[in-house]
Amino acid sequence: MTLLLMLTALAFAAAVVVAGVLANAAPAGKLVSQAAGAAAMVVSPIITLVIAIVLGKIGLGGDGFGASEILRAAALPAFGTLFVAPFAFWFFRRQRRPLAA
């Protein structure tokens, strides 16, 4: 349970950071913005799996986890980042100042 809580918090924080970076780095074009938003959705679950493997191999409270336990714990946060990343991307994209013409 501790692995699930820690992983969810870290995964959602990583999804917000990735979405913010991509929203600020993407040019103002609509197609490029959509591609950057899609990239945030693709990258966030992958980052979640990497965090899960690192936390699972290090172990929390001295317990190391096997591959099946790591993947079982990573499934829900990875699925959740598919919803967090687009909302964070949209939020950061709306906060961006418009370019002067």
PDB file of N, CA and C in Angstrom:
ATOM      1  N   MET A   1       0.819  -1.190   0.000  1.00  0.00           N
ATOM      2  CA  MET A   1       0.000   0.000   0.000  1.00  0.00           C
ATOM      3  C   MET A   1       0.867   1.260   0.000  1.00  0.00           C
ATOM      4  N   THR A   2       1.977   1.204   0.724  1.00  0.00           N
ATOM      5  CA  THR A   2       2.878   2.356   0.753  1.00  0.00           C
ATOM      6  C   THR A   2       3.465   2.613  -0.621  1.00  0.00           C
ATOM      7  N   LEU A   3       3.808   1.541  -1.331  1.00  0.00           N
ATOM      8  CA  LEU A   3       4.337   1.690  -2.687  1.00  0.00           C
ATOM      9  C   LEU A   3       3.299   2.340  -3.593  1.00  0.00           C
ATOM     10  N   LEU A   4       2.050   1.940  -3.478  1.00  0.00           N
ATOM     11  CA  LEU A   4       0.986   2.512  -4.307  1.00  0.00           C
ATOM     12  C   LEU A   4       0.791   3.994  -4.023  1.00  0.00           C
ATOM     13  N   LEU A   5       0.789   4.386  -2.762  1.00  0.00           N
ATOM     14  CA  LEU A   5       0.605   5.799  -2.414  1.00  0.00           C
ATOM     15  C   LEU A   5       1.785   6.655  -2.860  1.00  0.00           C
ATOM     16  N   MET A   6       2.980   6.180  -2.589  1.00  0.00           N
ATOM     17  CA  MET A   6       4.170   6.932  -3.009  1.00  0.00           C
ATOM     18  C   MET A   6       4.251   7.027  -4.523  1.00  0.00           C
ATOM     19  N   LEU A   7       3.975   5.936  -5.185  1.00  0.00           N
ATOM     20  CA  LEU A   7       4.044   5.909  -6.640  1.00  0.00           C
ATOM     21  C   LEU A   7       2.999   6.822  -7.267  1.00  0.00           C
ATOM     22  N   THR A   8       1.797   6.838  -6.721  1.00  0.00           N
ATOM     23  CA  THR A   8       0.751   7.712  -7.249  1.00  0.00           C
ATOM     24  C   THR A   8       1.133   9.174  -7.098  1.00  0.00           C
ATOM     25  N   ALA A   9       1.640   9.545  -5.934  1.00  0.00           N
ATOM     26  CA  ALA A   9       2.040  10.941  -5.718  1.00  0.00           C
ATOM     27  C   ALA A   9       3.178  11.349  -6.651  1.00  0.00           C
ATOM     28  N   LEU A  10       4.195  10.510  -6.756  1.00  0.00           N
ATOM     29  CA  LEU A  10       5.326  10.833  -7.630  1.00  0.00           C
ATOM     30  C   LEU A  10       4.936  10.828  -9.104  1.00  0.00           C
ATOM     31  N   ALA A  11       4.077   9.895  -9.495  1.00  0.00           N
ATOM     32  CA  ALA A  11       3.662   9.814 -10.902  1.00  0.00           C
ATOM     33  C   ALA A  11       2.840  11.030 -11.301  1.00  0.00           C
ATOM     34  N   PHE A  12       1.915  11.458 -10.449  1.00  0.00           N
ATOM     35  CA  PHE A  12       1.100  12.625 -10.777  1.00  0.00           C
ATOM     36  C   PHE A  12       1.948  13.892 -10.791  1.00  0.00           C
ATOM     37  N   ALA A  13       2.897  13.995  -9.872  1.00  0.00           N
ATOM     38  CA  ALA A  13       3.794  15.156  -9.873  1.00  0.00           C
ATOM     39  C   ALA A  13       4.652  15.167 -11.134  1.00  0.00           C
ATOM     40  N   ALA A  14       5.154  14.008 -11.542  1.00  0.00           N
ATOM     41  CA  ALA A  14       5.949  13.933 -12.765  1.00  0.00           C
ATOM     42  C   ALA A  14       5.113  14.260 -13.996  1.00  0.00           C
ATOM     43  N   ALA A  15       3.849  13.820 -14.015  1.00  0.00           N
ATOM     44  CA  ALA A  15       2.966  14.120 -15.147  1.00  0.00           C
ATOM     45  C   ALA A  15       2.710  15.615 -15.256  1.00  0.00           C
ATOM     46  N   VAL A  16       2.537  16.278 -14.123  1.00  0.00           N
ATOM     47  CA  VAL A  16       2.309  17.729 -14.125  1.00  0.00           C
ATOM     48  C   VAL A  16       3.562  18.460 -14.602  1.00  0.00           C
ATOM     49  N   VAL A  17       4.725  18.026 -14.152  1.00  0.00           N
ATOM     50  CA  VAL A  17       5.977  18.667 -14.578  1.00  0.00           C
ATOM     51  C   VAL A  17       6.202  18.488 -16.072  1.00  0.00           C
ATOM     52  N   VAL A  18       6.002  17.264 -16.572  1.00  0.00           N
ATOM     53  CA  VAL A  18       6.189  17.008 -18.006  1.00  0.00           C
ATOM     54  C   VAL A  18       5.200  17.831 -18.831  1.00  0.00           C
ATOM     55  N   ALA A  19       3.955  17.879 -18.401  1.00  0.00           N
ATOM     56  CA  ALA A  19       2.949  18.661 -19.133  1.00  0.00           C
ATOM     57  C   ALA A  19       3.286  20.142 -19.121  1.00  0.00           C
ATOM     58  N   GLY A  20       3.778  20.643 -17.997  1.00  0.00           N
ATOM     59  CA  GLY A  20       4.164  22.055 -17.927  1.00  0.00           C
ATOM     60  C   GLY A  20       5.335  22.383 -18.833  1.00  0.00           C
ATOM     61  N   VAL A  21       6.313  21.510 -18.852  1.00  0.00           N
ATOM     62  CA  VAL A  21       7.474  21.740 -19.727  1.00  0.00           C
ATOM     63  C   VAL A  21       7.066  21.695 -21.189  1.00  0.00           C
ATOM     64  N   LEU A  22       6.261  20.713 -21.559  1.00  0.00           N
ATOM     65  CA  LEU A  22       5.832  20.608 -22.956  1.00  0.00           C
ATOM     66  C   LEU A  22       4.912  21.748 -23.359  1.00  0.00           C
ATOM     67  N   ALA A  23       4.064  22.210 -22.452  1.00  0.00           N
ATOM     68  CA  ALA A  23       3.166  23.319 -22.769  1.00  0.00           C
ATOM     69  C   ALA A  23       3.936  24.611 -22.985  1.00  0.00           C
ATOM     70  N   ASN A  24       4.988  24.812 -22.220  1.00  0.00           N
ATOM     71  CA  ASN A  24       5.775  26.041 -22.381  1.00  0.00           C
ATOM     72  C   ASN A  24       6.750  25.958 -23.542  1.00  0.00           C
ATOM     73  N   ALA A  25       7.157  24.760 -23.925  1.00  0.00           N
ATOM     74  CA  ALA A  25       8.145  24.607 -24.993  1.00  0.00           C
ATOM     75  C   ALA A  25       7.513  24.571 -26.382  1.00  0.00           C
ATOM     76  N   ALA A  26       6.243  24.176 -26.467  1.00  0.00           N
ATOM     77  CA  ALA A  26       5.603  24.029 -27.774  1.00  0.00           C
ATOM     78  C   ALA A  26       5.288  25.390 -28.375  1.00  0.00           C
ATOM     79  N   PRO A  27       5.484  25.537 -29.679  1.00  0.00           N
ATOM     80  CA  PRO A  27       5.104  26.789 -30.341  1.00  0.00           C
ATOM     81  C   PRO A  27       3.588  26.989 -30.310  1.00  0.00           C
ATOM     82  N   ALA A  28       3.152  28.133 -30.771  1.00  0.00           N
ATOM     83  CA  ALA A  28       1.743  28.514 -30.645  1.00  0.00           C
ATOM     84  C   ALA A  28       0.820  27.820 -31.632  1.00  0.00           C
ATOM     85  N   GLY A  29       1.323  27.067 -32.590  1.00  0.00           N
ATOM     86  CA  GLY A  29       0.469  26.422 -33.584  1.00  0.00           C
ATOM     87  C   GLY A  29      -0.447  25.388 -32.971  1.00  0.00           C
ATOM     88  N   LYS A  30      -1.655  25.258 -33.515  1.00  0.00           N
ATOM     89  CA  LYS A  30      -2.640  24.338 -32.967  1.00  0.00           C
ATOM     90  C   LYS A  30      -2.206  22.874 -33.119  1.00  0.00           C
ATOM     91  N   LEU A  31      -1.688  22.502 -34.275  1.00  0.00           N
ATOM     92  CA  LEU A  31      -1.278  21.126 -34.498  1.00  0.00           C
ATOM     93  C   LEU A  31      -0.092  20.736 -33.618  1.00  0.00           C
ATOM     94  N   VAL A  32       0.854  21.643 -33.484  1.00  0.00           N
ATOM     95  CA  VAL A  32       2.019  21.374 -32.633  1.00  0.00           C
ATOM     96  C   VAL A  32       1.587  21.270 -31.173  1.00  0.00           C
ATOM     97  N   SER A  33       0.627  22.100 -30.777  1.00  0.00           N
ATOM     98  CA  SER A  33       0.124  22.050 -29.411  1.00  0.00           C
ATOM     99  C   SER A  33      -0.572  20.717 -29.141  1.00  0.00           C
ATOM    100  N   GLN A  34      -1.335  20.229 -30.098  1.00  0.00           N
ATOM    101  CA  GLN A  34      -1.999  18.938 -29.926  1.00  0.00           C
ATOM    102  C   GLN A  34      -0.982  17.804 -29.853  1.00  0.00           C
ATOM    103  N   ALA A  35       0.061  17.907 -30.649  1.00  0.00           N
ATOM    104  CA  ALA A  35       1.110  16.874 -30.618  1.00  0.00           C
ATOM    105  C   ALA A  35       1.843  16.889 -29.277  1.00  0.00           C
ATOM    106  N   ALA A  36       2.086  18.070 -28.737  1.00  0.00           N
ATOM    107  CA  ALA A  36       2.749  18.152 -27.433  1.00  0.00           C
ATOM    108  C   ALA A  36       1.849  17.615 -26.328  1.00  0.00           C
ATOM    109  N   GLY A  37       0.554  17.873 -26.417  1.00  0.00           N
ATOM    110  CA  GLY A  37      -0.384  17.312 -25.441  1.00  0.00           C
ATOM    111  C   GLY A  37      -0.436  15.800 -25.515  1.00  0.00           C
ATOM    112  N   ALA A  38      -0.407  15.261 -26.731  1.00  0.00           N
ATOM    113  CA  ALA A  38      -0.387  13.809 -26.901  1.00  0.00           C
ATOM    114  C   ALA A  38       0.920  13.220 -26.373  1.00  0.00           C
ATOM    115  N   ALA A  39       2.011  13.947 -26.568  1.00  0.00           N
ATOM    116  CA  ALA A  39       3.299  13.478 -26.049  1.00  0.00           C
ATOM    117  C   ALA A  39       3.281  13.410 -24.524  1.00  0.00           C
ATOM    118  N   ALA A  40       2.615  14.366 -23.888  1.00  0.00           N
ATOM    119  CA  ALA A  40       2.500  14.335 -22.424  1.00  0.00           C
ATOM    120  C   ALA A  40       1.734  13.093 -21.973  1.00  0.00           C
ATOM    121  N   MET A  41       0.713  12.718 -22.744  1.00  0.00           N
ATOM    122  CA  MET A  41      -0.056  11.520 -22.398  1.00  0.00           C
ATOM    123  C   MET A  41       0.755  10.245 -22.611  1.00  0.00           C
ATOM    124  N   VAL A  42       1.629  10.236 -23.590  1.00  0.00           N
ATOM    125  CA  VAL A  42       2.420   9.037 -23.878  1.00  0.00           C
ATOM    126  C   VAL A  42       3.571   8.892 -22.886  1.00  0.00           C
ATOM    127  N   VAL A  43       4.215   9.991 -22.554  1.00  0.00           N
ATOM    128  CA  VAL A  43       5.410   9.947 -21.717  1.00  0.00           C
ATOM    129  C   VAL A  43       5.076   9.688 -20.243  1.00  0.00           C
ATOM    130  N   SER A  44       3.957  10.191 -19.768  1.00  0.00           N
ATOM    131  CA  SER A  44       3.634  10.083 -18.340  1.00  0.00           C
ATOM    132  C   SER A  44       3.523   8.648 -17.829  1.00  0.00           C
ATOM    133  N   PRO A  45       2.824   7.730 -18.505  1.00  0.00           N
ATOM    134  CA  PRO A  45       2.816   6.340 -18.007  1.00  0.00           C
ATOM    135  C   PRO A  45       4.183   5.676 -18.053  1.00  0.00           C
ATOM    136  N   ILE A  46       5.004   6.034 -19.045  1.00  0.00           N
ATOM    137  CA  ILE A  46       6.348   5.468 -19.118  1.00  0.00           C
ATOM    138  C   ILE A  46       7.179   5.936 -17.933  1.00  0.00           C
ATOM    139  N   ILE A  47       7.080   7.204 -17.601  1.00  0.00           N
ATOM    140  CA  ILE A  47       7.786   7.724 -16.423  1.00  0.00           C
ATOM    141  C   ILE A  47       7.277   7.039 -15.161  1.00  0.00           C
ATOM    142  N   THR A  48       5.977   6.782 -15.104  1.00  0.00           N
ATOM    143  CA  THR A  48       5.403   6.088 -13.949  1.00  0.00           C
ATOM    144  C   THR A  48       6.003   4.695 -13.799  1.00  0.00           C
ATOM    145  N   LEU A  49       6.154   3.984 -14.903  1.00  0.00           N
ATOM    146  CA  LEU A  49       6.743   2.640 -14.828  1.00  0.00           C
ATOM    147  C   LEU A  49       8.202   2.688 -14.390  1.00  0.00           C
ATOM    148  N   VAL A  50       8.941   3.684 -14.861  1.00  0.00           N
ATOM    149  CA  VAL A  50      10.336   3.824 -14.438  1.00  0.00           C
ATOM    150  C   VAL A  50      10.412   4.109 -12.937  1.00  0.00           C
ATOM    151  N   ILE A  51       9.560   5.011 -12.453  1.00  0.00           N
ATOM    152  CA  ILE A  51       9.529   5.316 -11.018  1.00  0.00           C
ATOM    153  C   ILE A  51       9.150   4.068 -10.224  1.00  0.00           C
ATOM    154  N   ALA A  52       8.194   3.287 -10.734  1.00  0.00           N
ATOM    155  CA  ALA A  52       7.777   2.066 -10.036  1.00  0.00           C
ATOM    156  C   ALA A  52       8.913   1.061  -9.935  1.00  0.00           C
ATOM    157  N   ILE A  53       9.657   0.912 -11.014  1.00  0.00           N
ATOM    158  CA  ILE A  53      10.783  -0.036 -10.988  1.00  0.00           C
ATOM    159  C   ILE A  53      11.844   0.418 -10.003  1.00  0.00           C
ATOM    160  N   VAL A  54      12.144   1.710  -9.994  1.00  0.00           N
ATOM    161  CA  VAL A  54      13.152   2.228  -9.060  1.00  0.00           C
ATOM    162  C   VAL A  54      12.686   2.058  -7.619  1.00  0.00           C
ATOM    163  N   LEU A  55      11.445   2.459  -7.324  1.00  0.00           N
ATOM    164  CA  LEU A  55      10.940   2.324  -5.951  1.00  0.00           C
ATOM    165  C   LEU A  55      10.814   0.858  -5.545  1.00  0.00           C
ATOM    166  N   GLY A  56      10.414   0.004  -6.485  1.00  0.00           N
ATOM    167  CA  GLY A  56      10.254  -1.416  -6.165  1.00  0.00           C
ATOM    168  C   GLY A  56      11.569  -2.115  -5.909  1.00  0.00           C
ATOM    169  N   LYS A  57      12.587  -1.761  -6.657  1.00  0.00           N
ATOM    170  CA  LYS A  57      13.891  -2.401  -6.465  1.00  0.00           C
ATOM    171  C   LYS A  57      14.592  -1.864  -5.225  1.00  0.00           C
ATOM    172  N   ILE A  58      14.444  -0.575  -4.958  1.00  0.00           N
ATOM    173  CA  ILE A  58      15.016  -0.016  -3.723  1.00  0.00           C
ATOM    174  C   ILE A  58      14.273  -0.580  -2.527  1.00  0.00           C
ATOM    175  N   GLY A  59      12.971  -0.669  -2.663  1.00  0.00           N
ATOM    176  CA  GLY A  59      12.140  -1.182  -1.583  1.00  0.00           C
ATOM    177  C   GLY A  59      11.763  -0.077  -0.613  1.00  0.00           C
ATOM    178  N   LEU A  60      10.576  -0.164  -0.117  1.00  0.00           N
ATOM    179  CA  LEU A  60      10.085   0.782   0.884  1.00  0.00           C
ATOM    180  C   LEU A  60       9.978   0.048   2.210  1.00  0.00           C
ATOM    181  N   GLY A  61      10.577   0.583   3.225  1.00  0.00           N
ATOM    182  CA  GLY A  61      10.558  -0.066   4.524  1.00  0.00           C
ATOM    183  C   GLY A  61      11.414  -1.322   4.567  1.00  0.00           C
ATOM    184  N   GLY A  62      12.394  -1.417   3.677  1.00  0.00           N
ATOM    185  CA  GLY A  62      13.288  -2.566   3.671  1.00  0.00           C
ATOM    186  C   GLY A  62      12.786  -3.752   2.873  1.00  0.00           C
ATOM    187  N   ASP A  63      11.597  -3.658   2.265  1.00  0.00           N
ATOM    188  CA  ASP A  63      11.054  -4.772   1.492  1.00  0.00           C
ATOM    189  C   ASP A  63      11.299  -4.539   0.008  1.00  0.00           C
ATOM    190  N   GLY A  64      11.966  -5.478  -0.629  1.00  0.00           N
ATOM    191  CA  GLY A  64      12.124  -5.431  -2.081  1.00  0.00           C
ATOM    192  C   GLY A  64      10.916  -6.098  -2.726  1.00  0.00           C
ATOM    193  N   PHE A  65      10.528  -5.645  -3.886  1.00  0.00           N
ATOM    194  CA  PHE A  65       9.354  -6.195  -4.553  1.00  0.00           C
ATOM    195  C   PHE A  65       9.767  -6.899  -5.827  1.00  0.00           C
ATOM    196  N   GLY A  66       9.004  -7.918  -6.212  1.00  0.00           N
ATOM    197  CA  GLY A  66       9.238  -8.628  -7.465  1.00  0.00           C
ATOM    198  C   GLY A  66       8.593  -7.890  -8.625  1.00  0.00           C
ATOM    199  N   ALA A  67       8.825  -8.413  -9.822  1.00  0.00           N
ATOM    200  CA  ALA A  67       8.319  -7.753 -11.023  1.00  0.00           C
ATOM    201  C   ALA A  67       6.791  -7.701 -11.062  1.00  0.00           C
ATOM    202  N   SER A  68       6.132  -8.780 -10.655  1.00  0.00           N
ATOM    203  CA  SER A  68       4.670  -8.789 -10.721  1.00  0.00           C
ATOM    204  C   SER A  68       4.059  -7.797  -9.724  1.00  0.00           C
ATOM    205  N   GLU A  69       4.653  -7.681  -8.539  1.00  0.00           N
ATOM    206  CA  GLU A  69       4.139  -6.715  -7.567  1.00  0.00           C
ATOM    207  C   GLU A  69       4.366  -5.278  -8.027  1.00  0.00           C
ATOM    208  N   ILE A  70       5.514  -5.036  -8.670  1.00  0.00           N
ATOM    209  CA  ILE A  70       5.815  -3.693  -9.165  1.00  0.00           C
ATOM    210  C   ILE A  70       4.824  -3.302 -10.253  1.00  0.00           C
ATOM    211  N   LEU A  71       4.597  -4.198 -11.207  1.00  0.00           N
ATOM    212  CA  LEU A  71       3.664  -3.891 -12.295  1.00  0.00           C
ATOM    213  C   LEU A  71       2.231  -3.781 -11.801  1.00  0.00           C
ATOM    214  N   ARG A  72       1.861  -4.593 -10.820  1.00  0.00           N
ATOM    215  CA  ARG A  72       0.518  -4.516 -10.255  1.00  0.00           C
ATOM    216  C   ARG A  72       0.304  -3.177  -9.547  1.00  0.00           C
ATOM    217  N   ALA A  73       1.326  -2.703  -8.850  1.00  0.00           N
ATOM    218  CA  ALA A  73       1.216  -1.418  -8.158  1.00  0.00           C
ATOM    219  C   ALA A  73       1.273  -0.245  -9.130  1.00  0.00           C
ATOM    220  N   ALA A  74       1.941  -0.416 -10.269  1.00  0.00           N
ATOM    221  CA  ALA A  74       2.102   0.683 -11.230  1.00  0.00           C
ATOM    222  C   ALA A  74       0.920   0.837 -12.164  1.00  0.00           C
ATOM    223  N   ALA A  75       0.041  -0.139 -12.245  1.00  0.00           N
ATOM    224  CA  ALA A  75      -1.044  -0.091 -13.221  1.00  0.00           C
ATOM    225  C   ALA A  75      -2.011   1.062 -12.967  1.00  0.00           C
ATOM    226  N   LEU A  76      -2.470   1.221 -11.752  1.00  0.00           N
ATOM    227  CA  LEU A  76      -3.445   2.277 -11.459  1.00  0.00           C
ATOM    228  C   LEU A  76      -2.853   3.679 -11.590  1.00  0.00           C
ATOM    229  N   PRO A  77      -1.669   3.969 -11.038  1.00  0.00           N
ATOM    230  CA  PRO A  77      -1.104   5.307 -11.248  1.00  0.00           C
ATOM    231  C   PRO A  77      -0.788   5.603 -12.716  1.00  0.00           C
ATOM    232  N   ALA A  78      -0.333   4.599 -13.461  1.00  0.00           N
ATOM    233  CA  ALA A  78      -0.048   4.824 -14.883  1.00  0.00           C
ATOM    234  C   ALA A  78      -1.323   5.148 -15.639  1.00  0.00           C
ATOM    235  N   PHE A  79      -2.402   4.475 -15.310  1.00  0.00           N
ATOM    236  CA  PHE A  79      -3.691   4.777 -15.932  1.00  0.00           C
ATOM    237  C   PHE A  79      -4.183   6.164 -15.512  1.00  0.00           C
ATOM    238  N   GLY A  80      -3.950   6.526 -14.267  1.00  0.00           N
ATOM    239  CA  GLY A  80      -4.369   7.845 -13.773  1.00  0.00           C
ATOM    240  C   GLY A  80      -3.632   8.990 -14.439  1.00  0.00           C
ATOM    241  N   THR A  81      -2.370   8.780 -14.800  1.00  0.00           N
ATOM    242  CA  THR A  81      -1.620   9.849 -15.453  1.00  0.00           C
ATOM    243  C   THR A  81      -2.158  10.145 -16.842  1.00  0.00           C
ATOM    244  N   LEU A  82      -2.868   9.203 -17.447  1.00  0.00           N
ATOM    245  CA  LEU A  82      -3.495   9.467 -18.740  1.00  0.00           C
ATOM    246  C   LEU A  82      -4.564  10.546 -18.632  1.00  0.00           C
ATOM    247  N   PHE A  83      -5.106  10.754 -17.442  1.00  0.00           N
ATOM    248  CA  PHE A  83      -6.109  11.794 -17.232  1.00  0.00           C
ATOM    249  C   PHE A  83      -5.505  13.059 -16.638  1.00  0.00           C
ATOM    250  N   VAL A  84      -4.473  12.906 -15.830  1.00  0.00           N
ATOM    251  CA  VAL A  84      -3.842  14.065 -15.193  1.00  0.00           C
ATOM    252  C   VAL A  84      -3.049  14.882 -16.210  1.00  0.00           C
ATOM    253  N   ALA A  85      -2.299  14.227 -17.076  1.00  0.00           N
ATOM    254  CA  ALA A  85      -1.423  14.925 -18.022  1.00  0.00           C
ATOM    255  C   ALA A  85      -2.165  15.867 -18.962  1.00  0.00           C
ATOM    256  N   PRO A  86      -3.290  15.476 -19.583  1.00  0.00           N
ATOM    257  CA  PRO A  86      -3.972  16.428 -20.471  1.00  0.00           C
ATOM    258  C   PRO A  86      -4.545  17.636 -19.746  1.00  0.00           C
ATOM    259  N   PHE A  87      -5.069  17.425 -18.544  1.00  0.00           N
ATOM    260  CA  PHE A  87      -5.599  18.568 -17.784  1.00  0.00           C
ATOM    261  C   PHE A  87      -4.485  19.514 -17.361  1.00  0.00           C
ATOM    262  N   ALA A  88      -3.357  18.970 -16.951  1.00  0.00           N
ATOM    263  CA  ALA A  88      -2.220  19.819 -16.590  1.00  0.00           C
ATOM    264  C   ALA A  88      -1.689  20.551 -17.816  1.00  0.00           C
ATOM    265  N   PHE A  89      -1.620  19.854 -18.952  1.00  0.00           N
ATOM    266  CA  PHE A  89      -1.165  20.492 -20.191  1.00  0.00           C
ATOM    267  C   PHE A  89      -2.099  21.631 -20.572  1.00  0.00           C
ATOM    268  N   TRP A  90      -3.392  21.374 -20.507  1.00  0.00           N
ATOM    269  CA  TRP A  90      -4.374  22.418 -20.824  1.00  0.00           C
ATOM    270  C   TRP A  90      -4.221  23.606 -19.881  1.00  0.00           C
ATOM    271  N   PHE A  91      -4.046  23.350 -18.595  1.00  0.00           N
ATOM    272  CA  PHE A  91      -3.904  24.431 -17.621  1.00  0.00           C
ATOM    273  C   PHE A  91      -2.674  25.283 -17.929  1.00  0.00           C
ATOM    274  N   PHE A  92      -1.532  24.637 -18.141  1.00  0.00           N
ATOM    275  CA  PHE A  92      -0.310  25.394 -18.425  1.00  0.00           C
ATOM    276  C   PHE A  92      -0.371  26.087 -19.774  1.00  0.00           C
ATOM    277  N   ARG A  93      -1.060  25.510 -20.724  1.00  0.00           N
ATOM    278  CA  ARG A  93      -1.207  26.135 -22.032  1.00  0.00           C
ATOM    279  C   ARG A  93      -2.071  27.394 -21.925  1.00  0.00           C
ATOM    280  N   ARG A  94      -3.082  27.376 -21.081  1.00  0.00           N
ATOM    281  CA  ARG A  94      -3.938  28.545 -20.878  1.00  0.00           C
ATOM    282  C   ARG A  94      -3.224  29.657 -20.112  1.00  0.00           C
ATOM    283  N   GLN A  95      -2.240  29.303 -19.303  1.00  0.00           N
ATOM    284  CA  GLN A  95      -1.504  30.287 -18.521  1.00  0.00           C
ATOM    285  C   GLN A  95      -0.462  31.018 -19.351  1.00  0.00           C
ATOM    286  N   ARG A  96      -0.131  30.462 -20.488  1.00  0.00           N
ATOM    287  CA  ARG A  96       0.891  31.046 -21.330  1.00  0.00           C
ATOM    288  C   ARG A  96       0.404  32.352 -21.953  1.00  0.00           C
ATOM    289  N   ARG A  97       1.270  33.326 -21.981  1.00  0.00           N
ATOM    290  CA  ARG A  97       0.907  34.624 -22.552  1.00  0.00           C
ATOM    291  C   ARG A  97       0.874  34.542 -24.072  1.00  0.00           C
ATOM    292  N   PRO A  98      -0.085  35.223 -24.699  1.00  0.00           N
ATOM    293  CA  PRO A  98      -0.138  35.193 -26.171  1.00  0.00           C
ATOM    294  C   PRO A  98       1.027  35.998 -26.756  1.00  0.00           C
ATOM    295  N   LEU A  99       1.464  35.561 -27.917  1.00  0.00           N
ATOM    296  CA  LEU A  99       2.554  36.234 -28.588  1.00  0.00           C
ATOM    297  C   LEU A  99       2.050  37.524 -29.241  1.00  0.00           C
ATOM    298  N   ALA A 100       2.859  38.559 -29.196  1.00  0.00           N
ATOM    299  CA  ALA A 100       2.485  39.823 -29.844  1.00  0.00           C
ATOM    300  C   ALA A 100       2.650  39.665 -31.354  1.00  0.00           C
ATOM    301  N   ALA A 101       1.652  40.102 -32.088  1.00  0.00           N
ATOM    302  CA  ALA A 101       1.688  39.952 -33.552  1.00  0.00           C
ATOM    303  C   ALA A 101       2.485  41.029 -34.221  1.00  0.00           C
TER     304      ALA A 101
END
